[in-house]
Amino acid sequence: MKTLTNAVQEVRLHGHKDADEFFSEQRSFVIQSCMRLRECSVAFSMTVSAEYRLSSIFSNLVKHTSLAGSSQAKNDKTLHGVLVKCSEGLDHCRSAAEERARSDDLTVGFALNLYEKYSLKAKVDDFVVGKYWECFAQAVLHHRMVLLHKKESTAKALEKATAKHQDDLEDKRDQAEAKFVAISKTTRHELVQYNEQRVRSFQELILEYAESQITIARQLYAQLTKTIAELDKIDIE
């Protein structure tokens, strides 16, 4: 029953309008960004899986090329030498594909997967975080929206109250107003800091990812260049 109540409350608050343009834009941005992060996480996971499959394909090619080279060791030494060098080149490709997949999985893949898990479900101070919102941003925005709803509810209750209940409801309205103003100020400051930190963190992540790609590509280029040069030295008549 508690889970059902929380779900109903979240749906109601999700559609609740916010008069403050800053917070309204933040809510829309977080919803859209989390949806895109989840899509990106799925797409990147598929890319990493494809890289691992490519590594496996290269591994099979290496195996069969090596076997073919071994079978020609006595009959045709030139062909044997060519196949051995081709096997070495394919093995370099296999190693690069495997290293790239591992690196991708540990950098961008790990971060995107973490973001996706946070956006699916998290709890902060007993406020349930929606499945399409980032953990921290969702929590503070949801907390503020709860207080906004409470403030508006107490104001409406005061308008309909009889004279003997007005003093008590006025106190509740003032308390709700004070809490809402305080949380709005804090939330605005925290969201600005959080967004700046998130951008910096993601920039560092992308930089690490790009540097890893460049390093792996350069290593593979150097290895294949050496293998091709050794192939050129084989006298084929």
C-alpha atoms as a PDB file:
ATOM      1  CA  MET A   1       0.000   0.000   0.000  1.00  0.00           C
ATOM      2  CA  LYS A   2       2.851   2.377   0.827  1.00  0.00           C
ATOM      3  CA  THR A   3       4.437   1.692  -2.552  1.00  0.00           C
ATOM      4  CA  LEU A   4       1.137   2.415  -4.292  1.00  0.00           C
ATOM      5  CA  THR A   5       0.726   5.640  -2.309  1.00  0.00           C
ATOM      6  CA  ASN A   6       4.242   6.768  -3.250  1.00  0.00           C
ATOM      7  CA  ALA A   7       3.583   5.978  -6.899  1.00  0.00           C
ATOM      8  CA  VAL A   8       0.331   7.968  -6.921  1.00  0.00           C
ATOM      9  CA  GLN A   9       2.027  10.889  -5.174  1.00  0.00           C
ATOM     10  CA  GLU A  10       4.896  10.871  -7.659  1.00  0.00           C
ATOM     11  CA  VAL A  11       2.581  10.899 -10.677  1.00  0.00           C
ATOM     12  CA  ARG A  12       0.628  13.777  -9.162  1.00  0.00           C
ATOM     13  CA  LEU A  13       3.749  15.788  -8.388  1.00  0.00           C
ATOM     14  CA  HIS A  14       5.295  15.002 -11.760  1.00  0.00           C
ATOM     15  CA  GLY A  15       2.480  16.831 -13.522  1.00  0.00           C
ATOM     16  CA  HIS A  16       2.315  19.659 -10.997  1.00  0.00           C
ATOM     17  CA  LYS A  17       3.095  23.050 -12.560  1.00  0.00           C
ATOM     18  CA  ASP A  18       5.867  25.193 -11.133  1.00  0.00           C
ATOM     19  CA  ALA A  19       5.542  28.972 -11.422  1.00  0.00           C
ATOM     20  CA  ASP A  20       9.325  29.403 -11.117  1.00  0.00           C
ATOM     21  CA  GLU A  21      10.797  29.224 -14.638  1.00  0.00           C
ATOM     22  CA  PHE A  22      14.234  28.114 -13.405  1.00  0.00           C
ATOM     23  CA  PHE A  23      12.924  25.020 -11.618  1.00  0.00           C
ATOM     24  CA  SER A  24      10.455  24.248 -14.396  1.00  0.00           C
ATOM     25  CA  GLU A  25      13.305  24.221 -16.921  1.00  0.00           C
ATOM     26  CA  GLN A  26      15.449  22.099 -14.604  1.00  0.00           C
ATOM     27  CA  ARG A  27      12.719  19.479 -14.291  1.00  0.00           C
ATOM     28  CA  SER A  28      12.289  19.260 -18.076  1.00  0.00           C
ATOM     29  CA  PHE A  29      16.039  19.128 -18.628  1.00  0.00           C
ATOM     30  CA  VAL A  30      16.594  16.332 -16.109  1.00  0.00           C
ATOM     31  CA  ILE A  31      13.775  14.231 -17.556  1.00  0.00           C
ATOM     32  CA  GLN A  32      15.092  14.574 -21.100  1.00  0.00           C
ATOM     33  CA  SER A  33      18.742  14.113 -20.149  1.00  0.00           C
ATOM     34  CA  CYS A  34      18.020  10.890 -18.247  1.00  0.00           C
ATOM     35  CA  MET A  35      16.064   9.455 -21.145  1.00  0.00           C
ATOM     36  CA  ARG A  36      18.966  10.259 -23.472  1.00  0.00           C
ATOM     37  CA  LEU A  37      21.495   8.807 -21.009  1.00  0.00           C
ATOM     38  CA  ARG A  38      19.580   5.541 -20.870  1.00  0.00           C
ATOM     39  CA  GLU A  39      19.418   5.386 -24.670  1.00  0.00           C
ATOM     40  CA  CYS A  40      23.127   6.193 -24.895  1.00  0.00           C
ATOM     41  CA  SER A  41      23.968   3.550 -22.298  1.00  0.00           C
ATOM     42  CA  VAL A  42      22.128   0.855 -24.266  1.00  0.00           C
ATOM     43  CA  ALA A  43      23.726   1.934 -27.561  1.00  0.00           C
ATOM     44  CA  PHE A  44      27.225   2.055 -26.046  1.00  0.00           C
ATOM     45  CA  SER A  45      26.777  -1.379 -24.456  1.00  0.00           C
ATOM     46  CA  MET A  46      25.922  -2.742 -27.894  1.00  0.00           C
ATOM     47  CA  THR A  47      29.089  -1.121 -29.273  1.00  0.00           C
ATOM     48  CA  VAL A  48      31.252  -2.713 -26.580  1.00  0.00           C
ATOM     49  CA  SER A  49      29.635  -6.105 -27.217  1.00  0.00           C
ATOM     50  CA  ALA A  50      30.357  -5.717 -30.936  1.00  0.00           C
ATOM     51  CA  GLU A  51      34.025  -4.942 -30.148  1.00  0.00           C
ATOM     52  CA  TYR A  52      34.298  -8.092 -28.040  1.00  0.00           C
ATOM     53  CA  ARG A  53      32.720 -10.118 -30.858  1.00  0.00           C
ATOM     54  CA  LEU A  54      35.188  -8.570 -33.315  1.00  0.00           C
ATOM     55  CA  SER A  55      38.048  -9.614 -31.029  1.00  0.00           C
ATOM     56  CA  SER A  56      36.655 -13.155 -30.997  1.00  0.00           C
ATOM     57  CA  ILE A  57      36.468 -13.196 -34.797  1.00  0.00           C
ATOM     58  CA  PHE A  58      40.088 -12.070 -35.048  1.00  0.00           C
ATOM     59  CA  SER A  59      41.012 -14.801 -32.565  1.00  0.00           C
ATOM     60  CA  ASN A  60      39.464 -17.447 -34.828  1.00  0.00           C
ATOM     61  CA  LEU A  61      41.256 -16.000 -37.851  1.00  0.00           C
ATOM     62  CA  VAL A  62      44.555 -16.122 -35.977  1.00  0.00           C
ATOM     63  CA  LYS A  63      43.948 -19.749 -35.045  1.00  0.00           C
ATOM     64  CA  HIS A  64      43.104 -20.881 -38.576  1.00  0.00           C
ATOM     65  CA  THR A  65      45.882 -18.855 -40.197  1.00  0.00           C
ATOM     66  CA  SER A  66      48.418 -20.302 -37.778  1.00  0.00           C
ATOM     67  CA  LEU A  67      47.197 -23.829 -38.496  1.00  0.00           C
ATOM     68  CA  ALA A  68      47.402 -23.177 -42.231  1.00  0.00           C
ATOM     69  CA  GLY A  69      50.941 -21.840 -41.811  1.00  0.00           C
ATOM     70  CA  SER A  70      52.003 -24.857 -39.779  1.00  0.00           C
ATOM     71  CA  SER A  71      50.668 -27.232 -42.412  1.00  0.00           C
ATOM     72  CA  GLN A  72      52.839 -25.500 -45.037  1.00  0.00           C
ATOM     73  CA  ALA A  73      56.027 -25.485 -42.941  1.00  0.00           C
ATOM     74  CA  LYS A  74      57.584 -28.405 -44.872  1.00  0.00           C
ATOM     75  CA  ASN A  75      55.953 -28.010 -48.298  1.00  0.00           C
ATOM     76  CA  ASP A  76      56.290 -24.268 -48.945  1.00  0.00           C
ATOM     77  CA  LYS A  77      58.474 -22.216 -46.630  1.00  0.00           C
ATOM     78  CA  THR A  78      57.611 -18.947 -48.393  1.00  0.00           C
ATOM     79  CA  LEU A  79      53.890 -19.482 -47.935  1.00  0.00           C
ATOM     80  CA  HIS A  80      54.579 -20.591 -44.393  1.00  0.00           C
ATOM     81  CA  GLY A  81      56.405 -17.313 -43.672  1.00  0.00           C
ATOM     82  CA  VAL A  82      53.609 -15.234 -45.211  1.00  0.00           C
ATOM     83  CA  LEU A  83      50.923 -17.011 -43.196  1.00  0.00           C
ATOM     84  CA  VAL A  84      52.899 -16.641 -39.973  1.00  0.00           C
ATOM     85  CA  LYS A  85      53.261 -12.905 -40.492  1.00  0.00           C
ATOM     86  CA  CYS A  86      49.576 -12.581 -41.422  1.00  0.00           C
ATOM     87  CA  SER A  87      48.730 -14.456 -38.238  1.00  0.00           C
ATOM     88  CA  GLU A  88      50.853 -12.009 -36.241  1.00  0.00           C
ATOM     89  CA  GLY A  89      49.085  -9.030 -37.838  1.00  0.00           C
ATOM     90  CA  LEU A  90      45.664 -10.526 -37.138  1.00  0.00           C
ATOM     91  CA  ASP A  91      46.696 -11.164 -33.547  1.00  0.00           C
ATOM     92  CA  HIS A  92      47.636  -7.493 -33.190  1.00  0.00           C
ATOM     93  CA  CYS A  93      44.137  -6.605 -34.463  1.00  0.00           C
ATOM     94  CA  ARG A  94      42.595  -9.050 -31.989  1.00  0.00           C
ATOM     95  CA  SER A  95      44.552  -7.570 -29.102  1.00  0.00           C
ATOM     96  CA  ALA A  96      43.623  -3.997 -30.094  1.00  0.00           C
ATOM     97  CA  ALA A  97      39.911  -4.847 -30.403  1.00  0.00           C
ATOM     98  CA  GLU A  98      39.927  -6.581 -27.024  1.00  0.00           C
ATOM     99  CA  GLU A  99      41.823  -3.735 -25.353  1.00  0.00           C
ATOM    100  CA  ARG A 100      39.502  -1.148 -26.905  1.00  0.00           C
ATOM    101  CA  ALA A 101      36.415  -3.013 -25.717  1.00  0.00           C
ATOM    102  CA  ARG A 102      37.837  -3.354 -22.206  1.00  0.00           C
ATOM    103  CA  SER A 103      38.829   0.314 -22.085  1.00  0.00           C
ATOM    104  CA  ASP A 104      35.427   1.464 -23.375  1.00  0.00           C
ATOM    105  CA  ASP A 105      33.668  -0.707 -20.838  1.00  0.00           C
ATOM    106  CA  LEU A 106      35.717   0.695 -17.933  1.00  0.00           C
ATOM    107  CA  THR A 107      35.387   4.375 -18.904  1.00  0.00           C
ATOM    108  CA  VAL A 108      32.298   5.608 -20.749  1.00  0.00           C
ATOM    109  CA  GLY A 109      30.475   2.281 -20.469  1.00  0.00           C
ATOM    110  CA  PHE A 110      30.856   2.160 -16.688  1.00  0.00           C
ATOM    111  CA  ALA A 111      29.767   5.791 -16.251  1.00  0.00           C
ATOM    112  CA  LEU A 112      26.723   5.466 -18.502  1.00  0.00           C
ATOM    113  CA  ASN A 113      25.686   2.238 -16.794  1.00  0.00           C
ATOM    114  CA  LEU A 114      26.016   3.932 -13.415  1.00  0.00           C
ATOM    115  CA  TYR A 115      23.946   6.924 -14.551  1.00  0.00           C
ATOM    116  CA  GLU A 116      21.290   4.574 -15.884  1.00  0.00           C
ATOM    117  CA  LYS A 117      21.051   2.670 -12.594  1.00  0.00           C
ATOM    118  CA  TYR A 118      20.802   5.914 -10.627  1.00  0.00           C
ATOM    119  CA  SER A 119      18.075   7.181 -12.916  1.00  0.00           C
ATOM    120  CA  LEU A 120      16.026   3.986 -12.645  1.00  0.00           C
ATOM    121  CA  LYS A 121      15.486   4.193  -8.904  1.00  0.00           C
ATOM    122  CA  ALA A 122      17.105   5.851  -5.902  1.00  0.00           C
ATOM    123  CA  LYS A 123      16.017   7.204  -2.553  1.00  0.00           C
ATOM    124  CA  VAL A 124      17.110  10.305  -0.730  1.00  0.00           C
ATOM    125  CA  ASP A 125      15.536  11.200   2.634  1.00  0.00           C
ATOM    126  CA  ASP A 126      12.608   8.847   1.962  1.00  0.00           C
ATOM    127  CA  PHE A 127      11.625  10.728  -1.210  1.00  0.00           C
ATOM    128  CA  VAL A 128      11.319   8.259  -4.045  1.00  0.00           C
ATOM    129  CA  VAL A 129      13.279   9.273  -7.114  1.00  0.00           C
ATOM    130  CA  GLY A 130      11.466   8.805 -10.422  1.00  0.00           C
ATOM    131  CA  LYS A 131      12.718   6.360 -13.019  1.00  0.00           C
ATOM    132  CA  TYR A 132      13.545   9.035 -15.604  1.00  0.00           C
ATOM    133  CA  TRP A 133      15.391  11.506 -13.370  1.00  0.00           C
ATOM    134  CA  GLU A 134      18.986  11.734 -12.287  1.00  0.00           C
ATOM    135  CA  CYS A 135      19.555  10.701  -8.699  1.00  0.00           C
ATOM    136  CA  PHE A 136      20.685  13.939  -7.071  1.00  0.00           C
ATOM    137  CA  ALA A 137      18.802  16.415  -9.271  1.00  0.00           C
ATOM    138  CA  GLN A 138      15.612  14.359  -9.045  1.00  0.00           C
ATOM    139  CA  ALA A 139      15.841  14.159  -5.275  1.00  0.00           C
ATOM    140  CA  VAL A 140      16.235  17.873  -4.599  1.00  0.00           C
ATOM    141  CA  LEU A 141      13.639  18.864  -7.192  1.00  0.00           C
ATOM    142  CA  HIS A 142      11.195  16.299  -5.866  1.00  0.00           C
ATOM    143  CA  HIS A 143      11.784  17.452  -2.286  1.00  0.00           C
ATOM    144  CA  ARG A 144      11.046  21.045  -3.289  1.00  0.00           C
ATOM    145  CA  MET A 145       7.946  19.984  -5.227  1.00  0.00           C
ATOM    146  CA  VAL A 146       6.611  18.159  -2.160  1.00  0.00           C
ATOM    147  CA  LEU A 147       6.971  21.336  -0.100  1.00  0.00           C
ATOM    148  CA  LEU A 148       5.394  23.415  -2.876  1.00  0.00           C
ATOM    149  CA  HIS A 149       2.394  21.099  -2.940  1.00  0.00           C
ATOM    150  CA  LYS A 150       2.139  21.251   0.857  1.00  0.00           C
ATOM    151  CA  LYS A 151       2.332  25.058   0.812  1.00  0.00           C
ATOM    152  CA  GLU A 152      -0.418  25.337  -1.784  1.00  0.00           C
ATOM    153  CA  SER A 153      -2.579  22.792   0.043  1.00  0.00           C
ATOM    154  CA  THR A 154      -2.362  24.676   3.342  1.00  0.00           C
ATOM    155  CA  ALA A 155      -3.191  27.945   1.552  1.00  0.00           C
ATOM    156  CA  LYS A 156      -6.291  26.390  -0.020  1.00  0.00           C
ATOM    157  CA  ALA A 157      -7.320  24.857   3.290  1.00  0.00           C
ATOM    158  CA  LEU A 158      -7.032  28.292   4.934  1.00  0.00           C
ATOM    159  CA  GLU A 159      -9.330  29.840   2.309  1.00  0.00           C
ATOM    160  CA  LYS A 160     -12.029  27.276   3.065  1.00  0.00           C
ATOM    161  CA  ALA A 161     -11.540  27.184   6.851  1.00  0.00           C
ATOM    162  CA  THR A 162     -14.019  28.454   9.393  1.00  0.00           C
ATOM    163  CA  ALA A 163     -13.065  31.278  11.739  1.00  0.00           C
ATOM    164  CA  LYS A 164     -12.097  29.045  14.685  1.00  0.00           C
ATOM    165  CA  HIS A 165      -9.596  27.054  12.580  1.00  0.00           C
ATOM    166  CA  GLN A 166      -8.013  29.978  10.768  1.00  0.00           C
ATOM    167  CA  ASP A 167      -5.338  30.793  13.384  1.00  0.00           C
ATOM    168  CA  ASP A 168      -4.047  27.228  13.400  1.00  0.00           C
ATOM    169  CA  LEU A 169      -4.067  27.012   9.614  1.00  0.00           C
ATOM    170  CA  GLU A 170      -2.347  30.379   9.294  1.00  0.00           C
ATOM    171  CA  ASP A 171       0.533  29.041  11.397  1.00  0.00           C
ATOM    172  CA  LYS A 172       0.742  25.934   9.212  1.00  0.00           C
ATOM    173  CA  ARG A 173       0.657  28.054   6.063  1.00  0.00           C
ATOM    174  CA  ASP A 174       3.436  30.334   7.346  1.00  0.00           C
ATOM    175  CA  GLN A 175       5.566  27.340   8.335  1.00  0.00           C
ATOM    176  CA  ALA A 176       5.031  25.701   4.955  1.00  0.00           C
ATOM    177  CA  GLU A 177       5.859  28.974   3.202  1.00  0.00           C
ATOM    178  CA  ALA A 178       9.072  29.417   5.209  1.00  0.00           C
ATOM    179  CA  LYS A 179      10.208  25.839   4.490  1.00  0.00           C
ATOM    180  CA  PHE A 180       9.443  26.226   0.807  1.00  0.00           C
ATOM    181  CA  VAL A 181      11.343  29.505   0.487  1.00  0.00           C
ATOM    182  CA  ALA A 182      14.345  28.026   2.313  1.00  0.00           C
ATOM    183  CA  ILE A 183      14.439  24.825   0.230  1.00  0.00           C
ATOM    184  CA  SER A 184      14.037  26.820  -3.009  1.00  0.00           C
ATOM    185  CA  LYS A 185      17.051  28.941  -2.177  1.00  0.00           C
ATOM    186  CA  THR A 186      19.160  25.935  -1.208  1.00  0.00           C
ATOM    187  CA  THR A 187      18.039  23.862  -4.181  1.00  0.00           C
ATOM    188  CA  ARG A 188      18.809  26.617  -6.675  1.00  0.00           C
ATOM    189  CA  HIS A 189      22.363  26.943  -5.335  1.00  0.00           C
ATOM    190  CA  GLU A 190      22.932  23.163  -5.222  1.00  0.00           C
ATOM    191  CA  LEU A 191      21.628  22.588  -8.745  1.00  0.00           C
ATOM    192  CA  VAL A 192      23.894  25.252 -10.208  1.00  0.00           C
ATOM    193  CA  GLN A 193      26.923  23.700  -8.486  1.00  0.00           C
ATOM    194  CA  TYR A 194      25.843  20.185  -9.399  1.00  0.00           C
ATOM    195  CA  ASN A 195      25.394  21.020 -13.098  1.00  0.00           C
ATOM    196  CA  GLU A 196      28.832  22.641 -13.261  1.00  0.00           C
ATOM    197  CA  GLN A 197      30.470  19.654 -11.560  1.00  0.00           C
ATOM    198  CA  ARG A 198      28.626  17.185 -13.770  1.00  0.00           C
ATOM    199  CA  VAL A 199      29.833  18.918 -16.930  1.00  0.00           C
ATOM    200  CA  ARG A 200      33.443  18.964 -15.681  1.00  0.00           C
ATOM    201  CA  SER A 201      33.284  15.289 -14.696  1.00  0.00           C
ATOM    202  CA  PHE A 202      31.862  14.237 -18.041  1.00  0.00           C
ATOM    203  CA  GLN A 203      34.447  16.296 -19.911  1.00  0.00           C
ATOM    204  CA  GLU A 204      37.221  14.513 -17.994  1.00  0.00           C
ATOM    205  CA  LEU A 205      35.590  11.167 -18.781  1.00  0.00           C
ATOM    206  CA  ILE A 206      35.359  11.913 -22.515  1.00  0.00           C
ATOM    207  CA  LEU A 207      38.964  13.122 -22.522  1.00  0.00           C
ATOM    208  CA  GLU A 208      40.117   9.894 -20.866  1.00  0.00           C
ATOM    209  CA  TYR A 209      38.096   7.888 -23.390  1.00  0.00           C
ATOM    210  CA  ALA A 210      39.549   9.798 -26.372  1.00  0.00           C
ATOM    211  CA  GLU A 211      43.121   9.451 -25.110  1.00  0.00           C
ATOM    212  CA  SER A 212      42.603   5.716 -24.676  1.00  0.00           C
ATOM    213  CA  GLN A 213      41.302   5.387 -28.251  1.00  0.00           C
ATOM    214  CA  ILE A 214      44.272   7.329 -29.623  1.00  0.00           C
ATOM    215  CA  THR A 215      46.803   5.271 -27.652  1.00  0.00           C
ATOM    216  CA  ILE A 216      45.335   1.950 -28.809  1.00  0.00           C
ATOM    217  CA  ALA A 217      45.136   3.128 -32.437  1.00  0.00           C
ATOM    218  CA  ARG A 218      48.763   4.293 -32.413  1.00  0.00           C
ATOM    219  CA  GLN A 219      49.972   1.013 -30.938  1.00  0.00           C
ATOM    220  CA  LEU A 220      48.064  -0.978 -33.547  1.00  0.00           C
ATOM    221  CA  TYR A 221      49.386   1.217 -36.353  1.00  0.00           C
ATOM    222  CA  ALA A 222      52.977   0.713 -35.205  1.00  0.00           C
ATOM    223  CA  GLN A 223      52.529  -3.064 -34.896  1.00  0.00           C
ATOM    224  CA  LEU A 224      50.855  -3.444 -38.308  1.00  0.00           C
ATOM    225  CA  THR A 225      53.457  -1.215 -39.940  1.00  0.00           C
ATOM    226  CA  LYS A 226      56.198  -3.473 -38.593  1.00  0.00           C
ATOM    227  CA  THR A 227      54.375  -6.621 -39.725  1.00  0.00           C
ATOM    228  CA  ILE A 228      53.807  -5.253 -43.242  1.00  0.00           C
ATOM    229  CA  ALA A 229      57.482  -4.267 -43.479  1.00  0.00           C
ATOM    230  CA  GLU A 230      58.482  -7.827 -42.539  1.00  0.00           C
ATOM    231  CA  LEU A 231      56.074  -9.199 -45.132  1.00  0.00           C
ATOM    232  CA  ASP A 232      57.672  -7.016 -47.784  1.00  0.00           C
ATOM    233  CA  LYS A 233      61.022  -8.610 -47.023  1.00  0.00           C
ATOM    234  CA  ILE A 234      59.747 -12.081 -47.890  1.00  0.00           C
ATOM    235  CA  ASP A 235      60.863 -13.013 -51.378  1.00  0.00           C
ATOM    236  CA  ILE A 236      57.784 -14.241 -53.244  1.00  0.00           C
ATOM    237  CA  GLU A 237      58.477 -15.704 -56.676  1.00  0.00           C
END
